[in-house]
Amino acid sequence: MVLAGGLARRLEGADKPALEFGGVTLLDRVIDACTEAHNVVCVGPIRPTRRPVRWTREDPPGAGPVAALAAGLELTEADDVLVLAADLPFLSAELVHSLWIHSAGHDGAVLSDREGKDQWLAACYRRDALTGAIDRLTAERGGSAAGLSLKRLLAGFDLVRVPDPDGQSFDCDTWEDVGHVRRLVDGGVADHRPPGTEPER
């Protein structure tokens, strides 16, 4: 499941998933990393993709990631669900596979960046753990998932942290990030350091 909504406020409202790097959109780069997925669900405004996907939208549009998860889960019956943001330009199929492997026997597995921060939208979760938590929280809210936080949703989950030493969970939030990624893609650099720490070339 690729969450491809959001307002991209720090990109002045630009259509972030449609931004191209090396001739490939951010959205397609994330989808391309899901080589083992039998069913790819994208949540957000419909955009062209190189691979066939199923589209849906959170209700109401812009209601946040938990509402997007709830909408996407309605289009899949898989026991294990990869949940990925649409702005991860360096995500690899190998790392996606590692998330799935590490999630076995747990509620899920999430990438942990160099600072030890959990990347909840670069993860693999058990479907029943997600649906159970969403049902519980929405019941408390009168049936609405709008505005619920991922942190609250995942509280109490048994999660495995998968280290991400190469920075594959780096996401594009600002124009500085976009420029950084384009420099790395154009230069063929494999070490995805944050802006300001790029290796010299």
C-alpha atoms as a PDB file:
ATOM      1  CA  MET A   1       0.000   0.000   0.000  1.00  0.00           C
ATOM      2  CA  VAL A   2       1.447   3.329  -1.096  1.00  0.00           C
ATOM      3  CA  LEU A   3       0.122   6.454   0.589  1.00  0.00           C
ATOM      4  CA  ALA A   4       0.179   9.071  -2.157  1.00  0.00           C
ATOM      5  CA  GLY A   5      -1.987  11.833  -0.744  1.00  0.00           C
ATOM      6  CA  GLY A   6      -0.976  14.729   1.468  1.00  0.00           C
ATOM      7  CA  LEU A   7      -0.788  18.462   0.852  1.00  0.00           C
ATOM      8  CA  ALA A   8       3.000  18.864   0.380  1.00  0.00           C
ATOM      9  CA  ARG A   9       2.882  22.215   2.185  1.00  0.00           C
ATOM     10  CA  ARG A  10       6.682  22.496   2.304  1.00  0.00           C
ATOM     11  CA  LEU A  11       6.732  21.962  -1.471  1.00  0.00           C
ATOM     12  CA  GLU A  12       4.222  24.780  -1.981  1.00  0.00           C
ATOM     13  CA  GLY A  13       1.501  22.308  -2.869  1.00  0.00           C
ATOM     14  CA  ALA A  14       3.433  20.602  -5.675  1.00  0.00           C
ATOM     15  CA  ASP A  15       2.286  17.120  -6.697  1.00  0.00           C
ATOM     16  CA  LYS A  16       5.111  15.388  -4.857  1.00  0.00           C
ATOM     17  CA  PRO A  17       4.527  11.778  -6.000  1.00  0.00           C
ATOM     18  CA  ALA A  18       4.609  12.998  -9.632  1.00  0.00           C
ATOM     19  CA  LEU A  19       8.037  14.652  -9.317  1.00  0.00           C
ATOM     20  CA  GLU A  20      10.593  12.972 -11.572  1.00  0.00           C
ATOM     21  CA  PHE A  21      14.130  11.845 -10.755  1.00  0.00           C
ATOM     22  CA  GLY A  22      16.155  10.353 -13.574  1.00  0.00           C
ATOM     23  CA  GLY A  23      12.995  10.277 -15.684  1.00  0.00           C
ATOM     24  CA  VAL A  24      11.038   8.221 -13.118  1.00  0.00           C
ATOM     25  CA  THR A  25       8.381   9.642 -10.790  1.00  0.00           C
ATOM     26  CA  LEU A  26       8.680   9.313  -7.047  1.00  0.00           C
ATOM     27  CA  LEU A  27       5.540   7.197  -7.041  1.00  0.00           C
ATOM     28  CA  ASP A  28       6.910   4.776  -9.641  1.00  0.00           C
ATOM     29  CA  ARG A  29      10.203   4.503  -7.757  1.00  0.00           C
ATOM     30  CA  VAL A  30       8.317   3.297  -4.684  1.00  0.00           C
ATOM     31  CA  ILE A  31       6.086   0.950  -6.689  1.00  0.00           C
ATOM     32  CA  ASP A  32       9.154  -0.464  -8.466  1.00  0.00           C
ATOM     33  CA  ALA A  33      10.570  -1.504  -5.085  1.00  0.00           C
ATOM     34  CA  CYS A  34       7.517  -3.722  -4.480  1.00  0.00           C
ATOM     35  CA  THR A  35       8.556  -6.450  -6.896  1.00  0.00           C
ATOM     36  CA  GLU A  36       7.124  -9.255  -4.739  1.00  0.00           C
ATOM     37  CA  ALA A  37       3.749  -7.630  -4.115  1.00  0.00           C
ATOM     38  CA  HIS A  38       0.853  -9.317  -5.917  1.00  0.00           C
ATOM     39  CA  ASN A  39      -1.472  -6.380  -5.329  1.00  0.00           C
ATOM     40  CA  VAL A  40      -0.387  -2.727  -5.155  1.00  0.00           C
ATOM     41  CA  VAL A  41      -2.921  -0.296  -3.719  1.00  0.00           C
ATOM     42  CA  CYS A  42      -2.302   3.448  -3.974  1.00  0.00           C
ATOM     43  CA  VAL A  43      -4.245   5.845  -1.775  1.00  0.00           C
ATOM     44  CA  GLY A  44      -4.540   9.346  -3.199  1.00  0.00           C
ATOM     45  CA  PRO A  45      -5.448  11.215  -6.377  1.00  0.00           C
ATOM     46  CA  ILE A  46      -5.171   8.957  -9.443  1.00  0.00           C
ATOM     47  CA  ARG A  47      -1.936   9.400 -11.382  1.00  0.00           C
ATOM     48  CA  PRO A  48      -0.360   7.465 -14.270  1.00  0.00           C
ATOM     49  CA  THR A  49       1.906   4.590 -13.170  1.00  0.00           C
ATOM     50  CA  ARG A  50       4.169   2.235 -15.086  1.00  0.00           C
ATOM     51  CA  ARG A  51       2.718  -0.778 -13.272  1.00  0.00           C
ATOM     52  CA  PRO A  52      -1.000  -1.509 -12.897  1.00  0.00           C
ATOM     53  CA  VAL A  53      -2.233  -0.548  -9.423  1.00  0.00           C
ATOM     54  CA  ARG A  54      -5.564  -0.199  -7.661  1.00  0.00           C
ATOM     55  CA  TRP A  55      -6.561   3.288  -6.581  1.00  0.00           C
ATOM     56  CA  THR A  56      -8.672   4.480  -3.669  1.00  0.00           C
ATOM     57  CA  ARG A  57      -9.012   7.629  -1.582  1.00  0.00           C
ATOM     58  CA  GLU A  58      -9.316   8.328   2.112  1.00  0.00           C
ATOM     59  CA  ASP A  59     -12.628   9.739   3.311  1.00  0.00           C
ATOM     60  CA  PRO A  60     -12.655  12.661   3.366  1.00  0.00           C
ATOM     61  CA  PRO A  61      -9.658  13.466   1.125  1.00  0.00           C
ATOM     62  CA  GLY A  62      -6.829  14.856   3.230  1.00  0.00           C
ATOM     63  CA  ALA A  63      -8.051  13.088   6.386  1.00  0.00           C
ATOM     64  CA  GLY A  64      -4.570  11.817   7.220  1.00  0.00           C
ATOM     65  CA  PRO A  65      -2.548   8.601   7.130  1.00  0.00           C
ATOM     66  CA  VAL A  66      -4.793   6.482   9.368  1.00  0.00           C
ATOM     67  CA  ALA A  67      -7.819   7.264   7.220  1.00  0.00           C
ATOM     68  CA  ALA A  68      -5.692   6.431   4.162  1.00  0.00           C
ATOM     69  CA  LEU A  69      -4.690   3.112   5.724  1.00  0.00           C
ATOM     70  CA  ALA A  70      -8.322   2.292   6.442  1.00  0.00           C
ATOM     71  CA  ALA A  71      -9.260   2.980   2.820  1.00  0.00           C
ATOM     72  CA  GLY A  72      -6.369   0.965   1.415  1.00  0.00           C
ATOM     73  CA  LEU A  73      -7.038  -2.044   3.626  1.00  0.00           C
ATOM     74  CA  GLU A  74     -10.455  -2.400   2.045  1.00  0.00           C
ATOM     75  CA  LEU A  75      -8.757  -3.325  -1.249  1.00  0.00           C
ATOM     76  CA  THR A  76      -6.458  -6.048   0.036  1.00  0.00           C
ATOM     77  CA  GLU A  77      -6.859  -9.285   1.954  1.00  0.00           C
ATOM     78  CA  ALA A  78      -3.133  -9.996   2.355  1.00  0.00           C
ATOM     79  CA  ASP A  79      -2.000 -11.176   5.784  1.00  0.00           C
ATOM     80  CA  ASP A  80       1.081  -8.915   5.562  1.00  0.00           C
ATOM     81  CA  VAL A  81       0.744  -5.375   4.245  1.00  0.00           C
ATOM     82  CA  LEU A  82       3.657  -3.206   3.194  1.00  0.00           C
ATOM     83  CA  VAL A  83       2.865   0.413   3.998  1.00  0.00           C
ATOM     84  CA  LEU A  84       5.026   2.919   2.150  1.00  0.00           C
ATOM     85  CA  ALA A  85       5.023   6.660   1.683  1.00  0.00           C
ATOM     86  CA  ALA A  86       5.104   7.805  -1.935  1.00  0.00           C
ATOM     87  CA  ASP A  87       8.182   9.993  -1.396  1.00  0.00           C
ATOM     88  CA  LEU A  88      10.948   7.432  -0.807  1.00  0.00           C
ATOM     89  CA  PRO A  89      13.213   7.786  -3.862  1.00  0.00           C
ATOM     90  CA  PHE A  90      15.928   5.372  -2.721  1.00  0.00           C
ATOM     91  CA  LEU A  91      13.824   2.454  -1.498  1.00  0.00           C
ATOM     92  CA  SER A  92      15.062  -0.888  -2.852  1.00  0.00           C
ATOM     93  CA  ALA A  93      13.325  -4.208  -3.449  1.00  0.00           C
ATOM     94  CA  GLU A  94      15.895  -5.844  -1.162  1.00  0.00           C
ATOM     95  CA  LEU A  95      15.000  -3.610   1.758  1.00  0.00           C
ATOM     96  CA  VAL A  96      11.278  -4.087   1.160  1.00  0.00           C
ATOM     97  CA  HIS A  97      11.854  -7.856   1.219  1.00  0.00           C
ATOM     98  CA  SER A  98      13.811  -7.478   4.472  1.00  0.00           C
ATOM     99  CA  LEU A  99      10.863  -5.685   6.095  1.00  0.00           C
ATOM    100  CA  TRP A 100       8.571  -8.566   5.175  1.00  0.00           C
ATOM    101  CA  ILE A 101      11.024 -11.183   6.481  1.00  0.00           C
ATOM    102  CA  HIS A 102      11.611  -9.370   9.777  1.00  0.00           C
ATOM    103  CA  SER A 103       7.901  -8.852  10.402  1.00  0.00           C
ATOM    104  CA  ALA A 104       7.280 -12.609  10.781  1.00  0.00           C
ATOM    105  CA  GLY A 105       6.005 -13.426  14.281  1.00  0.00           C
ATOM    106  CA  HIS A 106       5.459  -9.744  15.162  1.00  0.00           C
ATOM    107  CA  ASP A 107       2.883  -7.037  14.550  1.00  0.00           C
ATOM    108  CA  GLY A 108       5.237  -5.531  12.027  1.00  0.00           C
ATOM    109  CA  ALA A 109       8.698  -4.328  11.058  1.00  0.00           C
ATOM    110  CA  VAL A 110       9.684  -0.700  10.461  1.00  0.00           C
ATOM    111  CA  LEU A 111      12.771   0.950   9.061  1.00  0.00           C
ATOM    112  CA  SER A 112      14.841   2.784  11.640  1.00  0.00           C
ATOM    113  CA  ASP A 113      16.944   5.636  10.267  1.00  0.00           C
ATOM    114  CA  ARG A 114      20.463   6.682  11.253  1.00  0.00           C
ATOM    115  CA  GLU A 115      19.142   8.672  14.202  1.00  0.00           C
ATOM    116  CA  GLY A 116      17.102   5.703  15.422  1.00  0.00           C
ATOM    117  CA  LYS A 117      13.782   7.252  14.380  1.00  0.00           C
ATOM    118  CA  ASP A 118      11.053   4.829  13.329  1.00  0.00           C
ATOM    119  CA  GLN A 119       9.798   5.313   9.777  1.00  0.00           C
ATOM    120  CA  TRP A 120       6.209   4.150  10.164  1.00  0.00           C
ATOM    121  CA  LEU A 121       5.493   4.693   6.464  1.00  0.00           C
ATOM    122  CA  ALA A 122       8.352   2.419   5.438  1.00  0.00           C
ATOM    123  CA  ALA A 123       7.124  -0.730   7.113  1.00  0.00           C
ATOM    124  CA  CYS A 124       5.387  -4.094   6.873  1.00  0.00           C
ATOM    125  CA  TYR A 125       2.460  -4.750   9.218  1.00  0.00           C
ATOM    126  CA  ARG A 126       0.170  -7.659   9.997  1.00  0.00           C
ATOM    127  CA  ARG A 127      -3.200  -6.876   8.480  1.00  0.00           C
ATOM    128  CA  ASP A 128      -5.145  -8.027  11.530  1.00  0.00           C
ATOM    129  CA  ALA A 129      -3.034  -5.828  13.826  1.00  0.00           C
ATOM    130  CA  LEU A 130      -3.797  -2.763  11.676  1.00  0.00           C
ATOM    131  CA  THR A 131      -7.489  -3.473  11.259  1.00  0.00           C
ATOM    132  CA  GLY A 132      -7.904  -4.233  14.959  1.00  0.00           C
ATOM    133  CA  ALA A 133      -6.251  -0.976  15.992  1.00  0.00           C
ATOM    134  CA  ILE A 134      -8.184   1.063  13.419  1.00  0.00           C
ATOM    135  CA  ASP A 135     -11.501  -0.483  14.457  1.00  0.00           C
ATOM    136  CA  ARG A 136     -10.773   0.214  18.117  1.00  0.00           C
ATOM    137  CA  LEU A 137      -9.770   3.842  17.612  1.00  0.00           C
ATOM    138  CA  THR A 138     -12.526   4.675  15.152  1.00  0.00           C
ATOM    139  CA  ALA A 139     -15.107   3.199  17.534  1.00  0.00           C
ATOM    140  CA  GLU A 140     -13.847   5.621  20.168  1.00  0.00           C
ATOM    141  CA  ARG A 141     -14.243   8.445  17.649  1.00  0.00           C
ATOM    142  CA  GLY A 142     -17.758   7.599  16.545  1.00  0.00           C
ATOM    143  CA  GLY A 143     -16.630   5.707  13.450  1.00  0.00           C
ATOM    144  CA  SER A 144     -14.229   8.237  11.927  1.00  0.00           C
ATOM    145  CA  ALA A 145     -10.505   7.737  11.290  1.00  0.00           C
ATOM    146  CA  ALA A 146     -10.018  11.322  10.139  1.00  0.00           C
ATOM    147  CA  GLY A 147      -7.179  13.091  11.912  1.00  0.00           C
ATOM    148  CA  LEU A 148      -5.983  10.073  13.894  1.00  0.00           C
ATOM    149  CA  SER A 149      -2.209   9.894  14.319  1.00  0.00           C
ATOM    150  CA  LEU A 150      -0.040   6.969  13.308  1.00  0.00           C
ATOM    151  CA  LYS A 151       1.738   7.192  16.653  1.00  0.00           C
ATOM    152  CA  ARG A 152      -1.523   6.575  18.470  1.00  0.00           C
ATOM    153  CA  LEU A 153      -2.529   3.817  16.056  1.00  0.00           C
ATOM    154  CA  LEU A 154       0.723   1.899  16.478  1.00  0.00           C
ATOM    155  CA  ALA A 155       1.018   2.338  20.245  1.00  0.00           C
ATOM    156  CA  GLY A 156       1.437  -1.089  21.806  1.00  0.00           C
ATOM    157  CA  PHE A 157       2.403  -2.807  18.545  1.00  0.00           C
ATOM    158  CA  ASP A 158       5.173  -5.404  18.745  1.00  0.00           C
ATOM    159  CA  LEU A 159       7.487  -3.930  16.116  1.00  0.00           C
ATOM    160  CA  VAL A 160      10.891  -5.043  14.888  1.00  0.00           C
ATOM    161  CA  ARG A 161      13.272  -2.221  13.963  1.00  0.00           C
ATOM    162  CA  VAL A 162      15.175  -2.795  10.706  1.00  0.00           C
ATOM    163  CA  PRO A 163      18.307  -0.610  10.503  1.00  0.00           C
ATOM    164  CA  ASP A 164      18.650   1.648   7.483  1.00  0.00           C
ATOM    165  CA  PRO A 165      22.352   2.601   7.420  1.00  0.00           C
ATOM    166  CA  ASP A 166      22.299   3.625   3.739  1.00  0.00           C
ATOM    167  CA  GLY A 167      19.476   6.126   4.131  1.00  0.00           C
ATOM    168  CA  GLN A 168      16.925   4.357   1.934  1.00  0.00           C
ATOM    169  CA  SER A 169      14.144   5.779   4.089  1.00  0.00           C
ATOM    170  CA  PHE A 170      15.147   9.322   3.120  1.00  0.00           C
ATOM    171  CA  ASP A 171      12.011  11.170   2.034  1.00  0.00           C
ATOM    172  CA  CYS A 172      11.455  14.316   0.001  1.00  0.00           C
ATOM    173  CA  ASP A 173       9.727  16.951   2.118  1.00  0.00           C
ATOM    174  CA  THR A 174      11.317  20.195   0.876  1.00  0.00           C
ATOM    175  CA  TRP A 175      12.760  21.624  -2.332  1.00  0.00           C
ATOM    176  CA  GLU A 176      16.179  21.224  -0.716  1.00  0.00           C
ATOM    177  CA  ASP A 177      15.460  17.503  -0.423  1.00  0.00           C
ATOM    178  CA  VAL A 178      14.349  17.384  -4.060  1.00  0.00           C
ATOM    179  CA  GLY A 179      17.573  19.060  -5.194  1.00  0.00           C
ATOM    180  CA  HIS A 180      19.627  16.711  -3.037  1.00  0.00           C
ATOM    181  CA  VAL A 181      17.992  13.621  -4.554  1.00  0.00           C
ATOM    182  CA  ARG A 182      18.386  14.915  -8.106  1.00  0.00           C
ATOM    183  CA  ARG A 183      22.084  15.544  -7.522  1.00  0.00           C
ATOM    184  CA  LEU A 184      22.554  12.010  -6.216  1.00  0.00           C
ATOM    185  CA  VAL A 185      20.499  10.405  -8.983  1.00  0.00           C
ATOM    186  CA  ASP A 186      22.295  12.381 -11.691  1.00  0.00           C
ATOM    187  CA  GLY A 187      25.674  11.623 -10.135  1.00  0.00           C
ATOM    188  CA  GLY A 188      24.992   7.929  -9.532  1.00  0.00           C
ATOM    189  CA  VAL A 189      25.817   8.227  -5.817  1.00  0.00           C
ATOM    190  CA  ALA A 190      24.699   5.248  -3.730  1.00  0.00           C
ATOM    191  CA  ASP A 191      25.182   6.674  -0.203  1.00  0.00           C
ATOM    192  CA  HIS A 192      21.978   8.622   0.477  1.00  0.00           C
ATOM    193  CA  ARG A 193      23.180  11.124   3.039  1.00  0.00           C
ATOM    194  CA  PRO A 194      20.918  13.943   4.244  1.00  0.00           C
ATOM    195  CA  PRO A 195      21.273  17.352   2.548  1.00  0.00           C
ATOM    196  CA  GLY A 196      24.476  19.117   3.513  1.00  0.00           C
ATOM    197  CA  THR A 197      26.423  15.887   4.055  1.00  0.00           C
ATOM    198  CA  GLU A 198      26.710  14.600   0.483  1.00  0.00           C
ATOM    199  CA  PRO A 199      29.990  12.852  -0.284  1.00  0.00           C
ATOM    200  CA  GLU A 200      32.386  14.852  -2.411  1.00  0.00           C
ATOM    201  CA  ARG A 201      32.570  13.949  -6.081  1.00  0.00           C
END
